[in-house]
Amino acid sequence: MKIKKGDKVKILAGKDSGKTGKVLQIFPKEGRVSVEGLNILIKHLRPQKRGEKGQRIEFPGLINISNVILVCPKCGKTTRVSYKVGEKTEESGAKKFRMCKKCGETID
């Protein structure tokens, strides 16, 4: 996946379009991400005991990964991601780096 946990992303579609936030979780099989403070959903819980009050729980909902774009930490612009394979070393194999398409800097 081109987006990882902890990345800063901008939302492209939906009720929070244009806002930015940090990725909390990624669900690669579903193709969805959870972004901190955005796409907030409310769940109502009934009271469990007599005399107890019900609750409203707010939590960040999932967003389709196609509706978010990475914000480059170096240049601060929204960008697509390319990959560059580093050189092979004796101890480990070649390492793969994510790169910003606009400024050319490595993201990892």
PDB file of N, CA and C in Angstrom:
ATOM      1  N   MET A   1       0.829  -1.183   0.000  1.00  0.00           N
ATOM      2  CA  MET A   1       0.000   0.000   0.000  1.00  0.00           C
ATOM      3  C   MET A   1       0.875   1.249   0.000  1.00  0.00           C
ATOM      4  N   LYS A   2       0.382   2.270  -0.636  1.00  0.00           N
ATOM      5  CA  LYS A   2       1.155   3.499  -0.750  1.00  0.00           C
ATOM      6  C   LYS A   2       0.978   4.414   0.451  1.00  0.00           C
ATOM      7  N   ILE A   3      -0.036   4.147   1.267  1.00  0.00           N
ATOM      8  CA  ILE A   3      -0.272   4.934   2.476  1.00  0.00           C
ATOM      9  C   ILE A   3      -0.043   4.022   3.676  1.00  0.00           C
ATOM     10  N   LYS A   4       0.657   4.551   4.686  1.00  0.00           N
ATOM     11  CA  LYS A   4       0.975   3.766   5.878  1.00  0.00           C
ATOM     12  C   LYS A   4       0.438   4.458   7.123  1.00  0.00           C
ATOM     13  N   LYS A   5       0.425   3.723   8.222  1.00  0.00           N
ATOM     14  CA  LYS A   5      -0.014   4.257   9.503  1.00  0.00           C
ATOM     15  C   LYS A   5       0.910   5.407   9.918  1.00  0.00           C
ATOM     16  N   GLY A   6       0.323   6.508  10.358  1.00  0.00           N
ATOM     17  CA  GLY A   6       1.106   7.669  10.785  1.00  0.00           C
ATOM     18  C   GLY A   6       1.308   8.714   9.698  1.00  0.00           C
ATOM     19  N   ASP A   7       0.952   8.409   8.453  1.00  0.00           N
ATOM     20  CA  ASP A   7       1.080   9.376   7.356  1.00  0.00           C
ATOM     21  C   ASP A   7       0.026  10.474   7.494  1.00  0.00           C
ATOM     22  N   LYS A   8       0.344  11.655   6.983  1.00  0.00           N
ATOM     23  CA  LYS A   8      -0.612  12.751   6.926  1.00  0.00           C
ATOM     24  C   LYS A   8      -1.289  12.680   5.570  1.00  0.00           C
ATOM     25  N   VAL A   9      -2.625  12.655   5.560  1.00  0.00           N
ATOM     26  CA  VAL A   9      -3.376  12.538   4.314  1.00  0.00           C
ATOM     27  C   VAL A   9      -4.429  13.633   4.227  1.00  0.00           C
ATOM     28  N   LYS A  10      -4.857  13.910   2.997  1.00  0.00           N
ATOM     29  CA  LYS A  10      -5.923  14.867   2.731  1.00  0.00           C
ATOM     30  C   LYS A  10      -7.093  14.094   2.144  1.00  0.00           C
ATOM     31  N   ILE A  11      -8.310  14.410   2.588  1.00  0.00           N
ATOM     32  CA  ILE A  11      -9.491  13.715   2.105  1.00  0.00           C
ATOM     33  C   ILE A  11      -9.994  14.409   0.840  1.00  0.00           C
ATOM     34  N   LEU A  12     -10.267  13.607  -0.191  1.00  0.00           N
ATOM     35  CA  LEU A  12     -10.677  14.142  -1.486  1.00  0.00           C
ATOM     36  C   LEU A  12     -12.187  14.166  -1.684  1.00  0.00           C
ATOM     37  N   ALA A  13     -12.924  13.263  -1.043  1.00  0.00           N
ATOM     38  CA  ALA A  13     -14.366  13.168  -1.262  1.00  0.00           C
ATOM     39  C   ALA A  13     -15.086  12.910   0.052  1.00  0.00           C
ATOM     40  N   GLY A  14     -16.350  13.289   0.106  1.00  0.00           N
ATOM     41  CA  GLY A  14     -17.170  13.042   1.286  1.00  0.00           C
ATOM     42  C   GLY A  14     -17.423  14.307   2.080  1.00  0.00           C
ATOM     43  N   LYS A  15     -17.998  14.133   3.258  1.00  0.00           N
ATOM     44  CA  LYS A  15     -18.390  15.288   4.071  1.00  0.00           C
ATOM     45  C   LYS A  15     -17.200  16.064   4.619  1.00  0.00           C
ATOM     46  N   ASP A  16     -16.044  15.425   4.736  1.00  0.00           N
ATOM     47  CA  ASP A  16     -14.846  16.084   5.253  1.00  0.00           C
ATOM     48  C   ASP A  16     -13.824  16.380   4.153  1.00  0.00           C
ATOM     49  N   SER A  17     -14.260  16.534   2.930  1.00  0.00           N
ATOM     50  CA  SER A  17     -13.314  16.748   1.832  1.00  0.00           C
ATOM     51  C   SER A  17     -12.545  18.049   2.025  1.00  0.00           C
ATOM     52  N   GLY A  18     -11.243  17.995   1.737  1.00  0.00           N
ATOM     53  CA  GLY A  18     -10.373  19.142   1.891  1.00  0.00           C
ATOM     54  C   GLY A  18      -9.659  19.211   3.227  1.00  0.00           C
ATOM     55  N   LYS A  19     -10.074  18.396   4.192  1.00  0.00           N
ATOM     56  CA  LYS A  19      -9.444  18.396   5.514  1.00  0.00           C
ATOM     57  C   LYS A  19      -8.286  17.396   5.541  1.00  0.00           C
ATOM     58  N   THR A  20      -7.327  17.645   6.437  1.00  0.00           N
ATOM     59  CA  THR A  20      -6.181  16.748   6.557  1.00  0.00           C
ATOM     60  C   THR A  20      -6.147  16.147   7.958  1.00  0.00           C
ATOM     61  N   GLY A  21      -5.531  14.967   8.043  1.00  0.00           N
ATOM     62  CA  GLY A  21      -5.404  14.287   9.326  1.00  0.00           C
ATOM     63  C   GLY A  21      -4.391  13.165   9.238  1.00  0.00           C
ATOM     64  N   LYS A  22      -4.118  12.560  10.386  1.00  0.00           N
ATOM     65  CA  LYS A  22      -3.136  11.483  10.490  1.00  0.00           C
ATOM     66  C   LYS A  22      -3.846  10.135  10.417  1.00  0.00           C
ATOM     67  N   VAL A  23      -3.245   9.175   9.700  1.00  0.00           N
ATOM     68  CA  VAL A  23      -3.822   7.848   9.548  1.00  0.00           C
ATOM     69  C   VAL A  23      -3.642   7.075  10.850  1.00  0.00           C
ATOM     70  N   LEU A  24      -4.760   6.557  11.389  1.00  0.00           N
ATOM     71  CA  LEU A  24      -4.722   5.772  12.617  1.00  0.00           C
ATOM     72  C   LEU A  24      -4.589   4.281  12.335  1.00  0.00           C
ATOM     73  N   GLN A  25      -5.385   3.788  11.387  1.00  0.00           N
ATOM     74  CA  GLN A  25      -5.390   2.367  11.050  1.00  0.00           C
ATOM     75  C   GLN A  25      -5.538   2.202   9.550  1.00  0.00           C
ATOM     76  N   ILE A  26      -5.032   1.056   9.066  1.00  0.00           N
ATOM     77  CA  ILE A  26      -5.190   0.702   7.657  1.00  0.00           C
ATOM     78  C   ILE A  26      -5.753  -0.702   7.583  1.00  0.00           C
ATOM     79  N   PHE A  27      -6.717  -0.892   6.704  1.00  0.00           N
ATOM     80  CA  PHE A  27      -7.299  -2.203   6.451  1.00  0.00           C
ATOM     81  C   PHE A  27      -7.060  -2.551   4.983  1.00  0.00           C
ATOM     82  N   PRO A  28      -5.909  -3.171   4.655  1.00  0.00           N
ATOM     83  CA  PRO A  28      -5.547  -3.388   3.257  1.00  0.00           C
ATOM     84  C   PRO A  28      -6.482  -4.327   2.491  1.00  0.00           C
ATOM     85  N   LYS A  29      -7.035  -5.325   3.153  1.00  0.00           N
ATOM     86  CA  LYS A  29      -7.943  -6.253   2.451  1.00  0.00           C
ATOM     87  C   LYS A  29      -9.233  -5.558   2.046  1.00  0.00           C
ATOM     88  N   GLU A  30      -9.700  -4.636   2.877  1.00  0.00           N
ATOM     89  CA  GLU A  30     -10.919  -3.890   2.578  1.00  0.00           C
ATOM     90  C   GLU A  30     -10.635  -2.658   1.731  1.00  0.00           C
ATOM     91  N   GLY A  31      -9.380  -2.195   1.715  1.00  0.00           N
ATOM     92  CA  GLY A  31      -9.020  -0.992   0.973  1.00  0.00           C
ATOM     93  C   GLY A  31      -9.518   0.269   1.652  1.00  0.00           C
ATOM     94  N   ARG A  32      -9.465   0.295   2.988  1.00  0.00           N
ATOM     95  CA  ARG A  32      -9.982   1.429   3.746  1.00  0.00           C
ATOM     96  C   ARG A  32      -8.975   1.895   4.782  1.00  0.00           C
ATOM     97  N   VAL A  33      -9.093   3.170   5.173  1.00  0.00           N
ATOM     98  CA  VAL A  33      -8.238   3.747   6.206  1.00  0.00           C
ATOM     99  C   VAL A  33      -9.103   4.487   7.222  1.00  0.00           C
ATOM    100  N   SER A  34      -8.560   4.652   8.425  1.00  0.00           N
ATOM    101  CA  SER A  34      -9.198   5.425   9.474  1.00  0.00           C
ATOM    102  C   SER A  34      -8.317   6.638   9.737  1.00  0.00           C
ATOM    103  N   VAL A  35      -8.891   7.841   9.661  1.00  0.00           N
ATOM    104  CA  VAL A  35      -8.132   9.082   9.812  1.00  0.00           C
ATOM    105  C   VAL A  35      -8.558   9.779  11.108  1.00  0.00           C
ATOM    106  N   GLU A  36      -7.567  10.240  11.864  1.00  0.00           N
ATOM    107  CA  GLU A  36      -7.799  10.859  13.166  1.00  0.00           C
ATOM    108  C   GLU A  36      -8.620  12.141  13.046  1.00  0.00           C
ATOM    109  N   GLY A  37      -9.746  12.187  13.763  1.00  0.00           N
ATOM    110  CA  GLY A  37     -10.573  13.389  13.840  1.00  0.00           C
ATOM    111  C   GLY A  37     -11.449  13.662  12.630  1.00  0.00           C
ATOM    112  N   LEU A  38     -11.465  12.779  11.651  1.00  0.00           N
ATOM    113  CA  LEU A  38     -12.269  12.997  10.444  1.00  0.00           C
ATOM    114  C   LEU A  38     -13.230  11.829  10.229  1.00  0.00           C
ATOM    115  N   ASN A  39     -14.322  12.108   9.522  1.00  0.00           N
ATOM    116  CA  ASN A  39     -15.378  11.132   9.269  1.00  0.00           C
ATOM    117  C   ASN A  39     -15.887  10.553  10.585  1.00  0.00           C
ATOM    118  N   ILE A  40     -16.207  11.444  11.536  1.00  0.00           N
ATOM    119  CA  ILE A  40     -16.656  11.033  12.863  1.00  0.00           C
ATOM    120  C   ILE A  40     -18.081  10.485  12.777  1.00  0.00           C
ATOM    121  N   LEU A  41     -18.270   9.279  13.303  1.00  0.00           N
ATOM    122  CA  LEU A  41     -19.575   8.637  13.357  1.00  0.00           C
ATOM    123  C   LEU A  41     -20.015   8.576  14.815  1.00  0.00           C
ATOM    124  N   ILE A  42     -21.335   8.539  15.035  1.00  0.00           N
ATOM    125  CA  ILE A  42     -21.882   8.489  16.387  1.00  0.00           C
ATOM    126  C   ILE A  42     -22.676   7.200  16.542  1.00  0.00           C
ATOM    127  N   LYS A  43     -22.381   6.482  17.618  1.00  0.00           N
ATOM    128  CA  LYS A  43     -23.105   5.250  17.924  1.00  0.00           C
ATOM    129  C   LYS A  43     -23.860   5.478  19.230  1.00  0.00           C
ATOM    130  N   HIS A  44     -25.142   5.160  19.250  1.00  0.00           N
ATOM    131  CA  HIS A  44     -25.965   5.323  20.439  1.00  0.00           C
ATOM    132  C   HIS A  44     -26.033   3.992  21.177  1.00  0.00           C
ATOM    133  N   LEU A  45     -25.737   4.022  22.481  1.00  0.00           N
ATOM    134  CA  LEU A  45     -25.823   2.827  23.310  1.00  0.00           C
ATOM    135  C   LEU A  45     -26.999   2.958  24.267  1.00  0.00           C
ATOM    136  N   ARG A  46     -27.765   1.900  24.373  1.00  0.00           N
ATOM    137  CA  ARG A  46     -28.888   1.883  25.294  1.00  0.00           C
ATOM    138  C   ARG A  46     -28.384   1.700  26.721  1.00  0.00           C
ATOM    139  N   PRO A  47     -29.164   2.146  27.699  1.00  0.00           N
ATOM    140  CA  PRO A  47     -28.759   1.889  29.084  1.00  0.00           C
ATOM    141  C   PRO A  47     -28.848   0.397  29.399  1.00  0.00           C
ATOM    142  N   GLN A  48     -27.855  -0.110  30.111  1.00  0.00           N
ATOM    143  CA  GLN A  48     -27.825  -1.537  30.426  1.00  0.00           C
ATOM    144  C   GLN A  48     -28.629  -1.860  31.693  1.00  0.00           C
ATOM    145  N   LYS A  49     -28.588  -0.954  32.674  1.00  0.00           N
ATOM    146  CA  LYS A  49     -29.301  -1.183  33.936  1.00  0.00           C
ATOM    147  C   LYS A  49     -30.416  -0.158  34.091  1.00  0.00           C
ATOM    148  N   ARG A  50     -31.314  -0.454  34.975  1.00  0.00           N
ATOM    149  CA  ARG A  50     -32.427   0.462  35.230  1.00  0.00           C
ATOM    150  C   ARG A  50     -31.903   1.729  35.923  1.00  0.00           C
ATOM    151  N   GLY A  51     -32.352   2.868  35.477  1.00  0.00           N
ATOM    152  CA  GLY A  51     -31.924   4.132  36.073  1.00  0.00           C
ATOM    153  C   GLY A  51     -30.637   4.682  35.457  1.00  0.00           C
ATOM    154  N   GLU A  52     -29.990   3.910  34.625  1.00  0.00           N
ATOM    155  CA  GLU A  52     -28.751   4.343  33.976  1.00  0.00           C
ATOM    156  C   GLU A  52     -29.095   5.117  32.710  1.00  0.00           C
ATOM    157  N   LYS A  53     -28.230   6.059  32.328  1.00  0.00           N
ATOM    158  CA  LYS A  53     -28.470   6.838  31.117  1.00  0.00           C
ATOM    159  C   LYS A  53     -27.808   6.178  29.922  1.00  0.00           C
ATOM    160  N   GLY A  54     -28.364   6.438  28.752  1.00  0.00           N
ATOM    161  CA  GLY A  54     -27.750   5.969  27.518  1.00  0.00           C
ATOM    162  C   GLY A  54     -26.537   6.823  27.181  1.00  0.00           C
ATOM    163  N   GLN A  55     -25.754   6.387  26.193  1.00  0.00           N
ATOM    164  CA  GLN A  55     -24.532   7.109  25.825  1.00  0.00           C
ATOM    165  C   GLN A  55     -24.466   7.303  24.318  1.00  0.00           C
ATOM    166  N   ARG A  56     -23.719   8.327  23.952  1.00  0.00           N
ATOM    167  CA  ARG A  56     -23.371   8.552  22.544  1.00  0.00           C
ATOM    168  C   ARG A  56     -21.861   8.402  22.436  1.00  0.00           C
ATOM    169  N   ILE A  57     -21.411   7.456  21.630  1.00  0.00           N
ATOM    170  CA  ILE A  57     -19.984   7.234  21.443  1.00  0.00           C
ATOM    171  C   ILE A  57     -19.593   7.749  20.060  1.00  0.00           C
ATOM    172  N   GLU A  58     -18.576   8.624  20.019  1.00  0.00           N
ATOM    173  CA  GLU A  58     -18.069   9.144  18.746  1.00  0.00           C
ATOM    174  C   GLU A  58     -16.773   8.431  18.413  1.00  0.00           C
ATOM    175  N   PHE A  59     -16.639   8.010  17.148  1.00  0.00           N
ATOM    176  CA  PHE A  59     -15.428   7.327  16.712  1.00  0.00           C
ATOM    177  C   PHE A  59     -15.191   7.620  15.237  1.00  0.00           C
ATOM    178  N   PRO A  60     -13.916   7.591  14.791  1.00  0.00           N
ATOM    179  CA  PRO A  60     -13.644   7.845  13.368  1.00  0.00           C
ATOM    180  C   PRO A  60     -14.054   6.654  12.514  1.00  0.00           C
ATOM    181  N   GLY A  61     -14.830   6.921  11.472  1.00  0.00           N
ATOM    182  CA  GLY A  61     -15.262   5.875  10.557  1.00  0.00           C
ATOM    183  C   GLY A  61     -14.197   5.598   9.515  1.00  0.00           C
ATOM    184  N   LEU A  62     -14.422   4.558   8.712  1.00  0.00           N
ATOM    185  CA  LEU A  62     -13.472   4.179   7.675  1.00  0.00           C
ATOM    186  C   LEU A  62     -13.740   4.952   6.387  1.00  0.00           C
ATOM    187  N   ILE A  63     -12.657   5.254   5.671  1.00  0.00           N
ATOM    188  CA  ILE A  63     -12.728   5.975   4.402  1.00  0.00           C
ATOM    189  C   ILE A  63     -12.056   5.108   3.348  1.00  0.00           C
ATOM    190  N   ASN A  64     -12.640   5.061   2.162  1.00  0.00           N
ATOM    191  CA  ASN A  64     -12.030   4.307   1.075  1.00  0.00           C
ATOM    192  C   ASN A  64     -10.675   4.919   0.729  1.00  0.00           C
ATOM    193  N   ILE A  65      -9.689   4.064   0.492  1.00  0.00           N
ATOM    194  CA  ILE A  65      -8.315   4.541   0.265  1.00  0.00           C
ATOM    195  C   ILE A  65      -8.196   5.371  -1.011  1.00  0.00           C
ATOM    196  N   SER A  66      -9.135   5.201  -1.940  1.00  0.00           N
ATOM    197  CA  SER A  66      -9.097   5.993  -3.169  1.00  0.00           C
ATOM    198  C   SER A  66      -9.546   7.430  -2.921  1.00  0.00           C
ATOM    199  N   ASN A  67     -10.147   7.698  -1.771  1.00  0.00           N
ATOM    200  CA  ASN A  67     -10.630   9.038  -1.445  1.00  0.00           C
ATOM    201  C   ASN A  67      -9.663   9.836  -0.576  1.00  0.00           C
ATOM    202  N   VAL A  68      -8.448   9.323  -0.367  1.00  0.00           N
ATOM    203  CA  VAL A  68      -7.434  10.069   0.371  1.00  0.00           C
ATOM    204  C   VAL A  68      -6.162  10.150  -0.471  1.00  0.00           C
ATOM    205  N   ILE A  69      -5.380  11.216  -0.249  1.00  0.00           N
ATOM    206  CA  ILE A  69      -4.111  11.383  -0.957  1.00  0.00           C
ATOM    207  C   ILE A  69      -3.057  11.800   0.070  1.00  0.00           C
ATOM    208  N   LEU A  70      -1.856  11.321  -0.126  1.00  0.00           N
ATOM    209  CA  LEU A  70      -0.759  11.567   0.800  1.00  0.00           C
ATOM    210  C   LEU A  70      -0.287  13.011   0.720  1.00  0.00           C
ATOM    211  N   VAL A  71       0.031  13.599   1.883  1.00  0.00           N
ATOM    212  CA  VAL A  71       0.648  14.924   1.954  1.00  0.00           C
ATOM    213  C   VAL A  71       2.122  14.694   2.253  1.00  0.00           C
ATOM    214  N   CYS A  72       2.993  15.180   1.365  1.00  0.00           N
ATOM    215  CA  CYS A  72       4.439  14.969   1.513  1.00  0.00           C
ATOM    216  C   CYS A  72       4.947  15.699   2.756  1.00  0.00           C
ATOM    217  N   PRO A  73       5.689  15.007   3.643  1.00  0.00           N
ATOM    218  CA  PRO A  73       6.209  15.683   4.832  1.00  0.00           C
ATOM    219  C   PRO A  73       7.322  16.688   4.525  1.00  0.00           C
ATOM    220  N   LYS A  74       7.987  16.562   3.377  1.00  0.00           N
ATOM    221  CA  LYS A  74       9.089  17.467   3.021  1.00  0.00           C
ATOM    222  C   LYS A  74       8.578  18.762   2.390  1.00  0.00           C
ATOM    223  N   CYS A  75       7.754  18.626   1.311  1.00  0.00           N
ATOM    224  CA  CYS A  75       7.307  19.826   0.596  1.00  0.00           C
ATOM    225  C   CYS A  75       5.925  20.307   1.030  1.00  0.00           C
ATOM    226  N   GLY A  76       5.153  19.484   1.739  1.00  0.00           N
ATOM    227  CA  GLY A  76       3.846  19.884   2.247  1.00  0.00           C
ATOM    228  C   GLY A  76       2.734  19.892   1.223  1.00  0.00           C
ATOM    229  N   LYS A  77       2.993  19.348   0.027  1.00  0.00           N
ATOM    230  CA  LYS A  77       1.985  19.309  -1.030  1.00  0.00           C
ATOM    231  C   LYS A  77       1.376  17.910  -1.116  1.00  0.00           C
ATOM    232  N   THR A  78       0.132  17.845  -1.638  1.00  0.00           N
ATOM    233  CA  THR A  78      -0.463  16.535  -1.882  1.00  0.00           C
ATOM    234  C   THR A  78       0.237  15.920  -3.078  1.00  0.00           C
ATOM    235  N   THR A  79       0.534  14.632  -2.989  1.00  0.00           N
ATOM    236  CA  THR A  79       1.340  14.016  -4.029  1.00  0.00           C
ATOM    237  C   THR A  79       0.994  12.552  -4.220  1.00  0.00           C
ATOM    238  N   ARG A  80       1.320  12.064  -5.388  1.00  0.00           N
ATOM    239  CA  ARG A  80       1.255  10.627  -5.638  1.00  0.00           C
ATOM    240  C   ARG A  80       2.552  10.012  -5.129  1.00  0.00           C
ATOM    241  N   VAL A  81       2.578   8.698  -5.023  1.00  0.00           N
ATOM    242  CA  VAL A  81       3.733   8.008  -4.464  1.00  0.00           C
ATOM    243  C   VAL A  81       4.365   7.136  -5.537  1.00  0.00           C
ATOM    244  N   SER A  82       5.699   7.217  -5.643  1.00  0.00           N
ATOM    245  CA  SER A  82       6.443   6.295  -6.510  1.00  0.00           C
ATOM    246  C   SER A  82       7.379   5.502  -5.618  1.00  0.00           C
ATOM    247  N   TYR A  83       7.946   4.457  -6.168  1.00  0.00           N
ATOM    248  CA  TYR A  83       8.862   3.616  -5.409  1.00  0.00           C
ATOM    249  C   TYR A  83      10.233   3.610  -6.044  1.00  0.00           C
ATOM    250  N   LYS A  84      11.260   3.508  -5.194  1.00  0.00           N
ATOM    251  CA  LYS A  84      12.639   3.397  -5.662  1.00  0.00           C
ATOM    252  C   LYS A  84      13.273   2.253  -4.892  1.00  0.00           C
ATOM    253  N   VAL A  85      13.961   1.378  -5.605  1.00  0.00           N
ATOM    254  CA  VAL A  85      14.624   0.252  -4.961  1.00  0.00           C
ATOM    255  C   VAL A  85      16.060   0.640  -4.688  1.00  0.00           C
ATOM    256  N   GLY A  86      16.463   0.518  -3.400  1.00  0.00           N
ATOM    257  CA  GLY A  86      17.820   0.865  -3.004  1.00  0.00           C
ATOM    258  C   GLY A  86      18.804  -0.221  -3.397  1.00  0.00           C
ATOM    259  N   GLU A  87      20.069   0.009  -3.069  1.00  0.00           N
ATOM    260  CA  GLU A  87      21.110  -0.946  -3.429  1.00  0.00           C
ATOM    261  C   GLU A  87      21.103  -2.136  -2.497  1.00  0.00           C
ATOM    262  N   LYS A  88      21.553  -3.272  -3.021  1.00  0.00           N
ATOM    263  CA  LYS A  88      21.625  -4.497  -2.244  1.00  0.00           C
ATOM    264  C   LYS A  88      22.841  -4.456  -1.335  1.00  0.00           C
ATOM    265  N   THR A  89      22.665  -4.940  -0.113  1.00  0.00           N
ATOM    266  CA  THR A  89      23.782  -5.071   0.816  1.00  0.00           C
ATOM    267  C   THR A  89      23.994  -6.547   1.120  1.00  0.00           C
ATOM    268  N   GLU A  90      25.132  -6.870   1.704  1.00  0.00           N
ATOM    269  CA  GLU A  90      25.432  -8.271   2.010  1.00  0.00           C
ATOM    270  C   GLU A  90      24.501  -8.822   3.083  1.00  0.00           C
ATOM    271  N   GLU A  91      24.200  -8.002   4.104  1.00  0.00           N
ATOM    272  CA  GLU A  91      23.386  -8.471   5.217  1.00  0.00           C
ATOM    273  C   GLU A  91      21.910  -8.589   4.854  1.00  0.00           C
ATOM    274  N   SER A  92      21.406  -7.625   4.110  1.00  0.00           N
ATOM    275  CA  SER A  92      19.990  -7.662   3.750  1.00  0.00           C
ATOM    276  C   SER A  92      19.834  -7.416   2.246  1.00  0.00           C
ATOM    277  N   GLY A  93      18.652  -7.713   1.761  1.00  0.00           N
ATOM    278  CA  GLY A  93      18.382  -7.512   0.343  1.00  0.00           C
ATOM    279  C   GLY A  93      18.153  -6.045   0.026  1.00  0.00           C
ATOM    280  N   ALA A  94      17.687  -5.782  -1.172  1.00  0.00           N
ATOM    281  CA  ALA A  94      17.427  -4.410  -1.603  1.00  0.00           C
ATOM    282  C   ALA A  94      16.232  -3.855  -0.837  1.00  0.00           C
ATOM    283  N   LYS A  95      16.306  -2.598  -0.434  1.00  0.00           N
ATOM    284  CA  LYS A  95      15.233  -1.961   0.299  1.00  0.00           C
ATOM    285  C   LYS A  95      14.413  -1.081  -0.641  1.00  0.00           C
ATOM    286  N   LYS A  96      13.110  -1.057  -0.424  1.00  0.00           N
ATOM    287  CA  LYS A  96      12.192  -0.306  -1.259  1.00  0.00           C
ATOM    288  C   LYS A  96      11.798   0.978  -0.524  1.00  0.00           C
ATOM    289  N   PHE A  97      11.920   2.133  -1.189  1.00  0.00           N
ATOM    290  CA  PHE A  97      11.610   3.422  -0.589  1.00  0.00           C
ATOM    291  C   PHE A  97      10.431   4.063  -1.295  1.00  0.00           C
ATOM    292  N   ARG A  98       9.585   4.767  -0.528  1.00  0.00           N
ATOM    293  CA  ARG A  98       8.510   5.565  -1.128  1.00  0.00           C
ATOM    294  C   ARG A  98       9.073   6.940  -1.441  1.00  0.00           C
ATOM    295  N   MET A  99       8.688   7.494  -2.593  1.00  0.00           N
ATOM    296  CA  MET A  99       9.179   8.809  -3.005  1.00  0.00           C
ATOM    297  C   MET A  99       8.020   9.708  -3.409  1.00  0.00           C
ATOM    298  N   CYS A 100       8.200  11.001  -3.155  1.00  0.00           N
ATOM    299  CA  CYS A 100       7.234  12.033  -3.555  1.00  0.00           C
ATOM    300  C   CYS A 100       7.419  12.285  -5.049  1.00  0.00           C
ATOM    301  N   LYS A 101       6.311  12.313  -5.799  1.00  0.00           N
ATOM    302  CA  LYS A 101       6.374  12.559  -7.235  1.00  0.00           C
ATOM    303  C   LYS A 101       6.683  14.033  -7.551  1.00  0.00           C
ATOM    304  N   LYS A 102       6.371  14.948  -6.630  1.00  0.00           N
ATOM    305  CA  LYS A 102       6.553  16.369  -6.904  1.00  0.00           C
ATOM    306  C   LYS A 102       7.956  16.854  -6.567  1.00  0.00           C
ATOM    307  N   CYS A 103       8.464  16.512  -5.360  1.00  0.00           N
ATOM    308  CA  CYS A 103       9.787  17.035  -4.985  1.00  0.00           C
ATOM    309  C   CYS A 103      10.897  15.984  -5.123  1.00  0.00           C
ATOM    310  N   GLY A 104      10.536  14.712  -5.279  1.00  0.00           N
ATOM    311  CA  GLY A 104      11.544  13.674  -5.487  1.00  0.00           C
ATOM    312  C   GLY A 104      12.229  13.166  -4.233  1.00  0.00           C
ATOM    313  N   GLU A 105      11.808  13.646  -3.051  1.00  0.00           N
ATOM    314  CA  GLU A 105      12.417  13.225  -1.789  1.00  0.00           C
ATOM    315  C   GLU A 105      11.806  11.904  -1.319  1.00  0.00           C
ATOM    316  N   THR A 106      12.606  11.141  -0.541  1.00  0.00           N
ATOM    317  CA  THR A 106      12.073   9.898   0.019  1.00  0.00           C
ATOM    318  C   THR A 106      11.161  10.226   1.196  1.00  0.00           C
ATOM    319  N   ILE A 107      10.102   9.465   1.332  1.00  0.00           N
ATOM    320  CA  ILE A 107       9.119   9.711   2.383  1.00  0.00           C
ATOM    321  C   ILE A 107       9.473   8.930   3.645  1.00  0.00           C
ATOM    322  N   ASP A 108       9.945   7.720   3.509  1.00  0.00           N
ATOM    323  CA  ASP A 108      10.281   6.881   4.678  1.00  0.00           C
ATOM    324  C   ASP A 108      11.567   7.320   5.316  1.00  0.00           C
TER     325      ASP A 108
END
